[in-house]
Amino acid sequence: MNQVKSEKFNKAAFLDRDGTLNEDTGYLYKIKDFRWIKGAVNALRILKKN
């Protein structure tokens, strides 16, 4: 059996934006039209902390 060399890796999370973090309103090209989904900002804070 091959041994895997132990290395430290950076953590990463890949998230979809539309419908996951913000309301999916179609093509978003103006920042003023961006609307967070309730709880998304707090979830990102928790993810960042961990």
N, C-alpha and C. Protein backbone atom coordinates (compact mmCIF):
# COMPACT_ATOMS: atom_id res chain seq x y z
N MET A 1 0.84 -1.17 0.00
CA MET A 1 0.00 0.00 0.00
C MET A 1 0.90 1.24 0.00
N ASN A 2 0.58 2.23 -0.83
CA ASN A 2 1.36 3.46 -0.89
C ASN A 2 1.04 4.36 0.29
N GLN A 3 2.05 4.99 0.82
CA GLN A 3 1.83 5.94 1.91
C GLN A 3 1.67 7.32 1.31
N VAL A 4 0.72 8.06 1.83
CA VAL A 4 0.47 9.42 1.37
C VAL A 4 1.28 10.37 2.24
N LYS A 5 2.04 11.24 1.59
CA LYS A 5 2.82 12.22 2.33
C LYS A 5 1.87 13.22 2.98
N SER A 6 2.04 13.44 4.26
CA SER A 6 1.18 14.36 4.99
C SER A 6 1.62 15.80 4.70
N GLU A 7 0.72 16.58 4.15
CA GLU A 7 0.99 17.99 3.87
C GLU A 7 -0.16 18.81 4.43
N LYS A 8 0.14 20.06 4.73
CA LYS A 8 -0.90 20.96 5.21
C LYS A 8 -1.57 21.61 4.00
N PHE A 9 -2.86 21.50 3.92
CA PHE A 9 -3.61 22.09 2.82
C PHE A 9 -4.46 23.25 3.34
N ASN A 10 -4.68 24.24 2.51
CA ASN A 10 -5.59 25.33 2.85
C ASN A 10 -7.01 24.84 2.67
N LYS A 11 -7.89 25.29 3.54
CA LYS A 11 -9.30 24.94 3.42
C LYS A 11 -9.92 25.76 2.30
N ALA A 12 -10.93 25.18 1.66
CA ALA A 12 -11.63 25.90 0.59
C ALA A 12 -13.09 25.48 0.60
N ALA A 13 -13.94 26.40 0.22
CA ALA A 13 -15.37 26.11 0.06
C ALA A 13 -15.79 26.77 -1.25
N PHE A 14 -16.54 26.05 -2.04
CA PHE A 14 -17.02 26.56 -3.31
C PHE A 14 -18.54 26.66 -3.24
N LEU A 15 -19.06 27.85 -3.43
CA LEU A 15 -20.49 28.09 -3.29
C LEU A 15 -21.05 28.69 -4.58
N ASP A 16 -22.26 28.31 -4.88
CA ASP A 16 -22.99 28.96 -5.96
C ASP A 16 -23.56 30.25 -5.37
N ARG A 17 -23.67 31.28 -6.14
CA ARG A 17 -24.19 32.54 -5.63
C ARG A 17 -25.70 32.63 -5.81
N ASP A 18 -26.17 32.64 -7.04
CA ASP A 18 -27.58 32.88 -7.32
C ASP A 18 -28.47 31.78 -6.77
N GLY A 19 -29.34 32.16 -5.85
CA GLY A 19 -30.26 31.21 -5.24
C GLY A 19 -29.68 30.52 -4.02
N THR A 20 -28.40 30.71 -3.76
CA THR A 20 -27.76 30.12 -2.58
C THR A 20 -27.40 31.21 -1.58
N LEU A 21 -26.78 32.27 -2.05
CA LEU A 21 -26.41 33.38 -1.18
C LEU A 21 -27.30 34.60 -1.40
N ASN A 22 -27.79 34.75 -2.60
CA ASN A 22 -28.64 35.89 -2.91
C ASN A 22 -29.88 35.42 -3.66
N GLU A 23 -30.88 36.28 -3.67
CA GLU A 23 -32.11 35.96 -4.41
C GLU A 23 -31.78 35.89 -5.90
N ASP A 24 -32.26 34.85 -6.55
CA ASP A 24 -32.02 34.68 -7.98
C ASP A 24 -33.05 35.51 -8.73
N THR A 25 -32.62 36.65 -9.24
CA THR A 25 -33.53 37.55 -9.94
C THR A 25 -33.18 37.65 -11.42
N GLY A 26 -32.47 36.66 -11.91
CA GLY A 26 -32.04 36.71 -13.30
C GLY A 26 -30.67 37.37 -13.39
N TYR A 27 -30.36 37.91 -14.56
CA TYR A 27 -29.04 38.53 -14.76
C TYR A 27 -28.88 39.73 -13.83
N LEU A 28 -27.86 39.71 -13.03
CA LEU A 28 -27.60 40.77 -12.06
C LEU A 28 -26.43 41.61 -12.55
N TYR A 29 -26.68 42.84 -12.88
CA TYR A 29 -25.61 43.70 -13.37
C TYR A 29 -25.50 45.01 -12.60
N LYS A 30 -26.39 45.24 -11.64
CA LYS A 30 -26.32 46.43 -10.79
C LYS A 30 -26.27 45.99 -9.34
N ILE A 31 -25.27 46.48 -8.61
CA ILE A 31 -25.10 46.09 -7.22
C ILE A 31 -26.34 46.46 -6.39
N LYS A 32 -27.04 47.51 -6.76
CA LYS A 32 -28.22 47.93 -6.00
C LYS A 32 -29.35 46.90 -6.09
N ASP A 33 -29.29 46.01 -7.06
CA ASP A 33 -30.32 44.98 -7.21
C ASP A 33 -29.99 43.68 -6.47
N PHE A 34 -28.80 43.62 -5.86
CA PHE A 34 -28.38 42.44 -5.12
C PHE A 34 -29.17 42.34 -3.81
N ARG A 35 -29.75 41.17 -3.53
CA ARG A 35 -30.52 40.94 -2.31
C ARG A 35 -30.03 39.65 -1.66
N TRP A 36 -29.48 39.76 -0.44
CA TRP A 36 -29.03 38.58 0.31
C TRP A 36 -30.22 37.72 0.70
N ILE A 37 -30.04 36.41 0.70
CA ILE A 37 -31.02 35.48 1.26
C ILE A 37 -30.84 35.53 2.77
N LYS A 38 -31.94 35.49 3.50
CA LYS A 38 -31.89 35.55 4.96
C LYS A 38 -30.97 34.45 5.50
N GLY A 39 -30.02 34.85 6.33
CA GLY A 39 -29.10 33.91 6.95
C GLY A 39 -27.81 33.68 6.18
N ALA A 40 -27.73 34.15 4.94
CA ALA A 40 -26.54 33.89 4.12
C ALA A 40 -25.30 34.58 4.66
N VAL A 41 -25.43 35.81 5.09
CA VAL A 41 -24.26 36.54 5.61
C VAL A 41 -23.74 35.87 6.87
N ASN A 42 -24.63 35.49 7.77
CA ASN A 42 -24.22 34.80 8.99
C ASN A 42 -23.57 33.46 8.66
N ALA A 43 -24.11 32.74 7.69
CA ALA A 43 -23.54 31.46 7.29
C ALA A 43 -22.11 31.65 6.75
N LEU A 44 -21.88 32.71 6.00
CA LEU A 44 -20.54 32.99 5.48
C LEU A 44 -19.57 33.32 6.62
N ARG A 45 -20.06 34.02 7.62
CA ARG A 45 -19.21 34.32 8.79
C ARG A 45 -18.80 33.03 9.51
N ILE A 46 -19.75 32.13 9.69
CA ILE A 46 -19.46 30.84 10.34
C ILE A 46 -18.47 30.04 9.51
N LEU A 47 -18.68 30.02 8.21
CA LEU A 47 -17.78 29.29 7.31
C LEU A 47 -16.36 29.86 7.38
N LYS A 48 -16.26 31.18 7.40
CA LYS A 48 -14.95 31.83 7.47
C LYS A 48 -14.23 31.50 8.78
N LYS A 49 -14.99 31.45 9.87
CA LYS A 49 -14.41 31.18 11.19
C LYS A 49 -13.88 29.76 11.29
N ASN A 50 -14.51 28.83 10.58
CA ASN A 50 -14.13 27.43 10.67
C ASN A 50 -13.28 27.02 9.50
